Amino acid sequence: MLTVALTGGIATGKSVVASVLADLGCYVHSADAVARALMAPGGTAYRKVIARFGASILAPDGTIDRARLGALVFADASARTALNAIIHPLVLAKKKEVIAELARAGRTAIYVSEAALTIEAGFQDFFDAVVVTTCRPEIQLRRLMERDGIGEEEALRKIRSQMPAADKARYADHVIDTSGSLAETIERTEEVWRALVQASALKTEAKRGGRPRRGGSGAREAQRNNSPNPSRRPGGGRRSGRAGSGG
């Protein structure tokens, strides 16, 4: 089974790409959904988050108000770092658990982790391939303002709290630019999916002791040969080492 990180900046089209990949048969695992469960009452992170940020982040029903929490962490880098230190390791642990279950079942060819902060957290090396969504800055800004119903200043603050798109793209095996029409985004996603299917087959073949059809080493070589971004990683084509926690 090929493990894939789908990541990208806020409002760059990750959800659309994830939906297309799911329709094509990939197992898509949302980090946001996992984080919600972790922070729900009784969840592993619930008391830890309250202990760090206080009862002011609670809604009347005792749940964590994600809008209040979000306002805190987007405005304060130290608060954002503290929240990530709590949540990201737990999210990654859950992903590893699901991946192991899927591998045992043997019915999934491609697992896709949909997470905005995979690269910022330094967990890109855990995956066989990294797919980064991007779009033109003015489109990202407009989408975010419309989606969240916020003004330009707040939208820019959220965008600037994340790694710049160009920096993320350096870690990508595949980049999907969603600036165009929906049809264009779907077409590009299908192209990437076909490359991932090939990489998954090569990984399976290598695991069974077969000889990869391409010169090189299985899934990773397939990614290099199919990547539209061959110089995607700093330091001679290798991914950077892990720099922290993440999901």
C-alpha atoms as a PDB file:
ATOM      1  CA  MET A   1       0.000   0.000   0.000  1.00  0.00           C
ATOM      2  CA  LEU A   2       1.304   3.424  -0.964  1.00  0.00           C
ATOM      3  CA  THR A   3       1.067   6.110   1.722  1.00  0.00           C
ATOM      4  CA  VAL A   4       0.543   9.646   0.434  1.00  0.00           C
ATOM      5  CA  ALA A   5       0.495  13.013   2.186  1.00  0.00           C
ATOM      6  CA  LEU A   6      -1.926  15.486   0.612  1.00  0.00           C
ATOM      7  CA  THR A   7      -1.077  18.929   1.923  1.00  0.00           C
ATOM      8  CA  GLY A   8      -1.081  22.590   0.966  1.00  0.00           C
ATOM      9  CA  GLY A   9      -1.936  26.008   2.270  1.00  0.00           C
ATOM     10  CA  ILE A  10      -5.308  26.996   3.630  1.00  0.00           C
ATOM     11  CA  ALA A  11      -7.963  27.444   0.906  1.00  0.00           C
ATOM     12  CA  THR A  12      -5.772  26.007  -1.859  1.00  0.00           C
ATOM     13  CA  GLY A  13      -8.137  23.209  -2.849  1.00  0.00           C
ATOM     14  CA  LYS A  14      -7.086  20.251  -0.684  1.00  0.00           C
ATOM     15  CA  SER A  15     -10.668  19.208  -0.012  1.00  0.00           C
ATOM     16  CA  VAL A  16     -11.547  19.177  -3.714  1.00  0.00           C
ATOM     17  CA  VAL A  17      -8.488  17.098  -4.559  1.00  0.00           C
ATOM     18  CA  ALA A  18      -9.177  14.761  -1.633  1.00  0.00           C
ATOM     19  CA  SER A  19     -12.743  14.247  -2.852  1.00  0.00           C
ATOM     20  CA  VAL A  20     -11.544  13.377  -6.355  1.00  0.00           C
ATOM     21  CA  LEU A  21      -8.979  10.923  -4.991  1.00  0.00           C
ATOM     22  CA  ALA A  22     -11.640   9.310  -2.809  1.00  0.00           C
ATOM     23  CA  ASP A  23     -13.920   8.927  -5.831  1.00  0.00           C
ATOM     24  CA  LEU A  24     -11.020   7.231  -7.627  1.00  0.00           C
ATOM     25  CA  GLY A  25     -10.757   4.631  -4.872  1.00  0.00           C
ATOM     26  CA  CYS A  26      -8.120   6.029  -2.519  1.00  0.00           C
ATOM     27  CA  TYR A  27      -8.601   5.804   1.231  1.00  0.00           C
ATOM     28  CA  VAL A  28      -8.635   9.450   2.326  1.00  0.00           C
ATOM     29  CA  HIS A  29      -7.979  10.148   6.008  1.00  0.00           C
ATOM     30  CA  SER A  30      -8.695  13.697   7.192  1.00  0.00           C
ATOM     31  CA  ALA A  31      -6.376  15.040   9.882  1.00  0.00           C
ATOM     32  CA  ASP A  32      -8.991  17.658  10.752  1.00  0.00           C
ATOM     33  CA  ALA A  33     -11.598  14.972  11.434  1.00  0.00           C
ATOM     34  CA  VAL A  34      -9.122  13.080  13.617  1.00  0.00           C
ATOM     35  CA  ALA A  35      -8.256  16.273  15.521  1.00  0.00           C
ATOM     36  CA  ARG A  36     -11.944  16.993  16.113  1.00  0.00           C
ATOM     37  CA  ALA A  37     -12.393  13.552  17.653  1.00  0.00           C
ATOM     38  CA  LEU A  38      -9.290  13.966  19.800  1.00  0.00           C
ATOM     39  CA  MET A  39     -10.545  17.296  21.169  1.00  0.00           C
ATOM     40  CA  ALA A  40     -14.108  16.123  21.776  1.00  0.00           C
ATOM     41  CA  PRO A  41     -15.114  15.498  25.399  1.00  0.00           C
ATOM     42  CA  GLY A  42     -13.491  12.232  26.405  1.00  0.00           C
ATOM     43  CA  GLY A  43     -10.948  12.483  23.603  1.00  0.00           C
ATOM     44  CA  THR A  44      -7.257  12.057  24.303  1.00  0.00           C
ATOM     45  CA  ALA A  45      -6.470  15.750  23.760  1.00  0.00           C
ATOM     46  CA  TYR A  46      -9.544  17.291  25.399  1.00  0.00           C
ATOM     47  CA  ARG A  47      -8.171  17.893  28.898  1.00  0.00           C
ATOM     48  CA  LYS A  48      -4.670  18.710  27.619  1.00  0.00           C
ATOM     49  CA  VAL A  49      -5.984  21.505  25.392  1.00  0.00           C
ATOM     50  CA  ILE A  50      -8.173  22.950  28.163  1.00  0.00           C
ATOM     51  CA  ALA A  51      -5.262  22.801  30.618  1.00  0.00           C
ATOM     52  CA  ARG A  52      -3.109  24.799  28.189  1.00  0.00           C
ATOM     53  CA  PHE A  53      -5.649  27.357  26.941  1.00  0.00           C
ATOM     54  CA  GLY A  54      -8.143  27.644  29.784  1.00  0.00           C
ATOM     55  CA  ALA A  55     -11.890  27.312  30.150  1.00  0.00           C
ATOM     56  CA  SER A  56     -12.506  30.386  27.981  1.00  0.00           C
ATOM     57  CA  ILE A  57     -12.258  28.161  24.882  1.00  0.00           C
ATOM     58  CA  LEU A  58     -15.233  26.056  26.008  1.00  0.00           C
ATOM     59  CA  ALA A  59     -18.719  26.374  24.557  1.00  0.00           C
ATOM     60  CA  PRO A  60     -21.744  26.276  26.926  1.00  0.00           C
ATOM     61  CA  ASP A  61     -22.155  22.543  26.294  1.00  0.00           C
ATOM     62  CA  GLY A  62     -18.605  21.809  27.440  1.00  0.00           C
ATOM     63  CA  THR A  63     -17.144  21.167  24.005  1.00  0.00           C
ATOM     64  CA  ILE A  64     -14.095  23.045  22.769  1.00  0.00           C
ATOM     65  CA  ASP A  65     -15.185  26.001  20.652  1.00  0.00           C
ATOM     66  CA  ARG A  66     -12.893  25.622  17.656  1.00  0.00           C
ATOM     67  CA  ALA A  67     -13.596  29.170  16.477  1.00  0.00           C
ATOM     68  CA  ARG A  68     -12.384  30.612  19.803  1.00  0.00           C
ATOM     69  CA  LEU A  69      -9.389  28.317  19.855  1.00  0.00           C
ATOM     70  CA  GLY A  70      -8.607  29.169  16.244  1.00  0.00           C
ATOM     71  CA  ALA A  71      -8.709  32.885  16.969  1.00  0.00           C
ATOM     72  CA  LEU A  72      -6.116  32.361  19.694  1.00  0.00           C
ATOM     73  CA  VAL A  73      -3.679  30.235  17.737  1.00  0.00           C
ATOM     74  CA  PHE A  74      -3.810  32.154  14.472  1.00  0.00           C
ATOM     75  CA  ALA A  75      -2.979  35.355  16.350  1.00  0.00           C
ATOM     76  CA  ASP A  76      -0.192  33.945  18.524  1.00  0.00           C
ATOM     77  CA  ALA A  77       2.657  31.847  17.168  1.00  0.00           C
ATOM     78  CA  SER A  78       3.552  30.467  20.603  1.00  0.00           C
ATOM     79  CA  ALA A  79      -0.036  29.378  21.203  1.00  0.00           C
ATOM     80  CA  ARG A  80      -0.084  27.752  17.769  1.00  0.00           C
ATOM     81  CA  THR A  81       3.119  25.884  18.551  1.00  0.00           C
ATOM     82  CA  ALA A  82       1.704  24.700  21.867  1.00  0.00           C
ATOM     83  CA  LEU A  83      -1.495  23.402  20.271  1.00  0.00           C
ATOM     84  CA  ASN A  84       0.420  21.649  17.509  1.00  0.00           C
ATOM     85  CA  ALA A  85       2.685  19.995  20.080  1.00  0.00           C
ATOM     86  CA  ILE A  86      -0.407  18.514  21.729  1.00  0.00           C
ATOM     87  CA  ILE A  87      -2.404  17.535  18.668  1.00  0.00           C
ATOM     88  CA  HIS A  88       0.020  16.543  15.911  1.00  0.00           C
ATOM     89  CA  PRO A  89       1.699  13.556  17.592  1.00  0.00           C
ATOM     90  CA  LEU A  90      -1.727  12.156  18.494  1.00  0.00           C
ATOM     91  CA  VAL A  91      -3.003  12.622  14.939  1.00  0.00           C
ATOM     92  CA  LEU A  92       0.044  10.901  13.487  1.00  0.00           C
ATOM     93  CA  ALA A  93      -0.325   8.021  15.948  1.00  0.00           C
ATOM     94  CA  LYS A  94      -3.926   7.553  14.802  1.00  0.00           C
ATOM     95  CA  LYS A  95      -2.847   7.608  11.169  1.00  0.00           C
ATOM     96  CA  LYS A  96      -0.223   4.955  11.828  1.00  0.00           C
ATOM     97  CA  GLU A  97      -2.896   2.839  13.498  1.00  0.00           C
ATOM     98  CA  VAL A  98      -5.250   3.160  10.526  1.00  0.00           C
ATOM     99  CA  ILE A  99      -2.456   2.477   8.032  1.00  0.00           C
ATOM    100  CA  ALA A 100      -1.525  -0.704   9.901  1.00  0.00           C
ATOM    101  CA  GLU A 101      -5.157  -1.846   9.893  1.00  0.00           C
ATOM    102  CA  LEU A 102      -5.509  -1.176   6.171  1.00  0.00           C
ATOM    103  CA  ALA A 103      -2.246  -2.962   5.417  1.00  0.00           C
ATOM    104  CA  ARG A 104      -3.388  -6.026   7.351  1.00  0.00           C
ATOM    105  CA  ALA A 105      -6.679  -6.076   5.469  1.00  0.00           C
ATOM    106  CA  GLY A 106      -4.801  -5.849   2.171  1.00  0.00           C
ATOM    107  CA  ARG A 107      -7.605  -4.245   0.187  1.00  0.00           C
ATOM    108  CA  THR A 108      -6.302  -0.670  -0.113  1.00  0.00           C
ATOM    109  CA  ALA A 109      -3.770   0.345  -2.774  1.00  0.00           C
ATOM    110  CA  ILE A 110      -3.393   4.022  -1.835  1.00  0.00           C
ATOM    111  CA  TYR A 111      -3.795   5.687   1.564  1.00  0.00           C
ATOM    112  CA  VAL A 112      -4.053   9.490   1.483  1.00  0.00           C
ATOM    113  CA  SER A 113      -3.524  11.653   4.552  1.00  0.00           C
ATOM    114  CA  GLU A 114      -5.218  15.016   4.073  1.00  0.00           C
ATOM    115  CA  ALA A 115      -3.464  17.461   6.416  1.00  0.00           C
ATOM    116  CA  ALA A 116      -2.556  21.119   6.072  1.00  0.00           C
ATOM    117  CA  LEU A 117       0.573  21.085   8.244  1.00  0.00           C
ATOM    118  CA  THR A 118       2.378  17.867   7.316  1.00  0.00           C
ATOM    119  CA  ILE A 119       5.485  19.668   6.072  1.00  0.00           C
ATOM    120  CA  GLU A 120       5.525  22.349   8.771  1.00  0.00           C
ATOM    121  CA  ALA A 121       5.433  19.555  11.334  1.00  0.00           C
ATOM    122  CA  GLY A 122       8.296  17.698   9.665  1.00  0.00           C
ATOM    123  CA  PHE A 123       6.365  14.472   9.070  1.00  0.00           C
ATOM    124  CA  GLN A 124       6.684  14.362   5.287  1.00  0.00           C
ATOM    125  CA  ASP A 125       9.298  11.610   5.501  1.00  0.00           C
ATOM    126  CA  PHE A 126       6.762   9.219   6.976  1.00  0.00           C
ATOM    127  CA  PHE A 127       4.946   9.019   3.625  1.00  0.00           C
ATOM    128  CA  ASP A 128       5.921   7.420   0.322  1.00  0.00           C
ATOM    129  CA  ALA A 129       4.823  10.482  -1.644  1.00  0.00           C
ATOM    130  CA  VAL A 130       3.812  14.090  -1.020  1.00  0.00           C
ATOM    131  CA  VAL A 131       1.156  15.913  -3.052  1.00  0.00           C
ATOM    132  CA  VAL A 132       0.926  19.680  -2.575  1.00  0.00           C
ATOM    133  CA  THR A 133      -2.029  21.812  -3.650  1.00  0.00           C
ATOM    134  CA  THR A 134      -1.434  25.421  -4.576  1.00  0.00           C
ATOM    135  CA  CYS A 135      -3.160  28.321  -6.293  1.00  0.00           C
ATOM    136  CA  ARG A 136      -2.498  31.937  -7.122  1.00  0.00           C
ATOM    137  CA  PRO A 137      -2.310  34.162  -3.999  1.00  0.00           C
ATOM    138  CA  GLU A 138      -5.240  36.374  -4.994  1.00  0.00           C
ATOM    139  CA  ILE A 139      -7.421  33.301  -5.515  1.00  0.00           C
ATOM    140  CA  GLN A 140      -6.400  31.824  -2.168  1.00  0.00           C
ATOM    141  CA  LEU A 141      -7.234  35.104  -0.426  1.00  0.00           C
ATOM    142  CA  ARG A 142     -10.635  35.399  -2.092  1.00  0.00           C
ATOM    143  CA  ARG A 143     -11.534  31.779  -1.392  1.00  0.00           C
ATOM    144  CA  LEU A 144     -10.622  32.089   2.278  1.00  0.00           C
ATOM    145  CA  MET A 145     -12.562  35.308   2.745  1.00  0.00           C
ATOM    146  CA  GLU A 146     -15.636  33.822   1.090  1.00  0.00           C
ATOM    147  CA  ARG A 147     -15.376  30.450   2.821  1.00  0.00           C
ATOM    148  CA  ASP A 148     -14.897  31.758   6.356  1.00  0.00           C
ATOM    149  CA  GLY A 149     -16.815  35.007   6.005  1.00  0.00           C
ATOM    150  CA  ILE A 150     -13.852  37.063   7.194  1.00  0.00           C
ATOM    151  CA  GLY A 151     -12.144  40.272   6.138  1.00  0.00           C
ATOM    152  CA  GLU A 152      -8.925  40.611   4.198  1.00  0.00           C
ATOM    153  CA  GLU A 153      -6.759  41.370   7.236  1.00  0.00           C
ATOM    154  CA  GLU A 154      -7.833  38.250   9.124  1.00  0.00           C
ATOM    155  CA  ALA A 155      -7.539  36.102   6.010  1.00  0.00           C
ATOM    156  CA  LEU A 156      -3.998  37.329   5.378  1.00  0.00           C
ATOM    157  CA  ARG A 157      -3.069  36.627   8.988  1.00  0.00           C
ATOM    158  CA  LYS A 158      -4.214  33.026   8.593  1.00  0.00           C
ATOM    159  CA  ILE A 159      -2.371  32.583   5.304  1.00  0.00           C
ATOM    160  CA  ARG A 160       0.834  34.091   6.674  1.00  0.00           C
ATOM    161  CA  SER A 161       0.748  31.799   9.710  1.00  0.00           C
ATOM    162  CA  GLN A 162       1.531  28.880   7.380  1.00  0.00           C
ATOM    163  CA  MET A 163       4.555  27.972   5.293  1.00  0.00           C
ATOM    164  CA  PRO A 164       4.661  29.831   1.943  1.00  0.00           C
ATOM    165  CA  ALA A 165       3.329  27.800  -0.981  1.00  0.00           C
ATOM    166  CA  ALA A 166       6.636  27.916  -2.850  1.00  0.00           C
ATOM    167  CA  ASP A 167       8.450  26.419   0.128  1.00  0.00           C
ATOM    168  CA  LYS A 168       5.915  23.609   0.431  1.00  0.00           C
ATOM    169  CA  ALA A 169       6.199  22.824  -3.264  1.00  0.00           C
ATOM    170  CA  ARG A 170       9.927  22.098  -2.812  1.00  0.00           C
ATOM    171  CA  TYR A 171       8.942  18.982  -0.836  1.00  0.00           C
ATOM    172  CA  ALA A 172       6.344  17.762  -3.323  1.00  0.00           C
ATOM    173  CA  ASP A 173       6.457  14.729  -5.550  1.00  0.00           C
ATOM    174  CA  HIS A 174       3.420  16.186  -7.314  1.00  0.00           C
ATOM    175  CA  VAL A 175       1.990  19.713  -7.331  1.00  0.00           C
ATOM    176  CA  ILE A 176      -1.661  20.349  -8.177  1.00  0.00           C
ATOM    177  CA  ASP A 177      -2.439  23.959  -9.086  1.00  0.00           C
ATOM    178  CA  THR A 178      -6.145  24.572  -8.461  1.00  0.00           C
ATOM    179  CA  SER A 179      -6.199  28.134  -9.844  1.00  0.00           C
ATOM    180  CA  GLY A 180      -8.121  27.095 -12.954  1.00  0.00           C
ATOM    181  CA  SER A 181     -11.546  25.601 -13.425  1.00  0.00           C
ATOM    182  CA  LEU A 182     -12.898  22.668 -11.445  1.00  0.00           C
ATOM    183  CA  ALA A 183     -12.596  20.526 -14.562  1.00  0.00           C
ATOM    184  CA  GLU A 184      -8.904  21.417 -14.863  1.00  0.00           C
ATOM    185  CA  THR A 185      -8.298  20.570 -11.221  1.00  0.00           C
ATOM    186  CA  ILE A 186     -10.021  17.215 -11.625  1.00  0.00           C
ATOM    187  CA  GLU A 187      -7.995  16.459 -14.751  1.00  0.00           C
ATOM    188  CA  ARG A 188      -4.708  17.268 -13.011  1.00  0.00           C
ATOM    189  CA  THR A 189      -5.718  15.224  -9.955  1.00  0.00           C
ATOM    190  CA  GLU A 190      -6.488  12.249 -12.168  1.00  0.00           C
ATOM    191  CA  GLU A 191      -3.018  12.566 -13.736  1.00  0.00           C
ATOM    192  CA  VAL A 192      -1.439  12.479 -10.300  1.00  0.00           C
ATOM    193  CA  TRP A 193      -3.634   9.543  -9.283  1.00  0.00           C
ATOM    194  CA  ARG A 194      -2.433   7.515 -12.261  1.00  0.00           C
ATOM    195  CA  ALA A 195       1.178   8.141 -11.198  1.00  0.00           C
ATOM    196  CA  LEU A 196       0.319   7.089  -7.640  1.00  0.00           C
ATOM    197  CA  VAL A 197      -1.330   3.896  -8.889  1.00  0.00           C
ATOM    198  CA  GLN A 198       1.852   3.045 -10.774  1.00  0.00           C
ATOM    199  CA  ALA A 199       3.985   3.806  -7.721  1.00  0.00           C
ATOM    200  CA  SER A 200       1.726   1.632  -5.560  1.00  0.00           C
ATOM    201  CA  ALA A 201       2.104  -1.274  -7.977  1.00  0.00           C
ATOM    202  CA  LEU A 202       5.883  -0.894  -8.005  1.00  0.00           C
ATOM    203  CA  LYS A 203       6.003  -0.796  -4.206  1.00  0.00           C
ATOM    204  CA  THR A 204       3.921  -3.969  -4.017  1.00  0.00           C
ATOM    205  CA  GLU A 205       6.124  -5.657  -6.597  1.00  0.00           C
ATOM    206  CA  ALA A 206       9.289  -4.689  -4.729  1.00  0.00           C
ATOM    207  CA  LYS A 207       7.843  -5.936  -1.437  1.00  0.00           C
ATOM    208  CA  ARG A 208       7.128  -9.299  -3.023  1.00  0.00           C
ATOM    209  CA  GLY A 209      10.697  -9.516  -4.210  1.00  0.00           C
ATOM    210  CA  GLY A 210      10.058  -8.695  -7.836  1.00  0.00           C
ATOM    211  CA  ARG A 211      12.268  -6.464  -9.913  1.00  0.00           C
ATOM    212  CA  PRO A 212      10.847  -2.969 -10.597  1.00  0.00           C
ATOM    213  CA  ARG A 213      10.145  -2.328 -14.237  1.00  0.00           C
ATOM    214  CA  ARG A 214      11.908   1.028 -14.073  1.00  0.00           C
ATOM    215  CA  GLY A 215      15.568   1.526 -13.262  1.00  0.00           C
ATOM    216  CA  GLY A 216      15.622   2.415  -9.600  1.00  0.00           C
ATOM    217  CA  SER A 217      13.963   1.380  -6.381  1.00  0.00           C
ATOM    218  CA  GLY A 218      10.264   0.795  -6.459  1.00  0.00           C
ATOM    219  CA  ALA A 219       7.720   3.366  -5.360  1.00  0.00           C
ATOM    220  CA  ARG A 220      10.188   6.152  -4.645  1.00  0.00           C
ATOM    221  CA  GLU A 221      11.783   5.850  -8.084  1.00  0.00           C
ATOM    222  CA  ALA A 222       8.342   5.883  -9.682  1.00  0.00           C
ATOM    223  CA  GLN A 223       7.586   9.141  -7.920  1.00  0.00           C
ATOM    224  CA  ARG A 224      10.808  10.691  -9.203  1.00  0.00           C
ATOM    225  CA  ASN A 225      10.197   9.565 -12.746  1.00  0.00           C
ATOM    226  CA  ASN A 226       6.611  10.826 -12.778  1.00  0.00           C
ATOM    227  CA  SER A 227       7.094  13.997 -10.764  1.00  0.00           C
ATOM    228  CA  PRO A 228       6.546  17.333 -12.526  1.00  0.00           C
ATOM    229  CA  ASN A 229       8.850  18.811  -9.890  1.00  0.00           C
ATOM    230  CA  PRO A 230      12.087  16.789 -10.069  1.00  0.00           C
ATOM    231  CA  SER A 231      14.061  19.254  -7.936  1.00  0.00           C
ATOM    232  CA  ARG A 232      11.378  19.181  -5.270  1.00  0.00           C
ATOM    233  CA  ARG A 233      13.613  18.673  -2.233  1.00  0.00           C
ATOM    234  CA  PRO A 234      16.476  20.683  -0.784  1.00  0.00           C
ATOM    235  CA  GLY A 235      19.778  18.908  -0.327  1.00  0.00           C
ATOM    236  CA  GLY A 236      20.344  16.742  -3.367  1.00  0.00           C
ATOM    237  CA  GLY A 237      16.828  15.429  -3.802  1.00  0.00           C
ATOM    238  CA  ARG A 238      16.373  13.966  -0.318  1.00  0.00           C
ATOM    239  CA  ARG A 239      13.575  15.049   1.962  1.00  0.00           C
ATOM    240  CA  SER A 240      14.583  17.096   4.948  1.00  0.00           C
ATOM    241  CA  GLY A 241      14.810  15.414   8.324  1.00  0.00           C
ATOM    242  CA  ARG A 242      11.923  15.535  10.787  1.00  0.00           C
ATOM    243  CA  ALA A 243      11.864  18.843  12.597  1.00  0.00           C
ATOM    244  CA  GLY A 244       9.026  18.366  15.047  1.00  0.00           C
ATOM    245  CA  SER A 245       5.575  16.938  15.513  1.00  0.00           C
ATOM    246  CA  GLY A 246       2.779  16.960  13.021  1.00  0.00           C
ATOM    247  CA  GLY A 247      -0.063  15.165  11.384  1.00  0.00           C
END
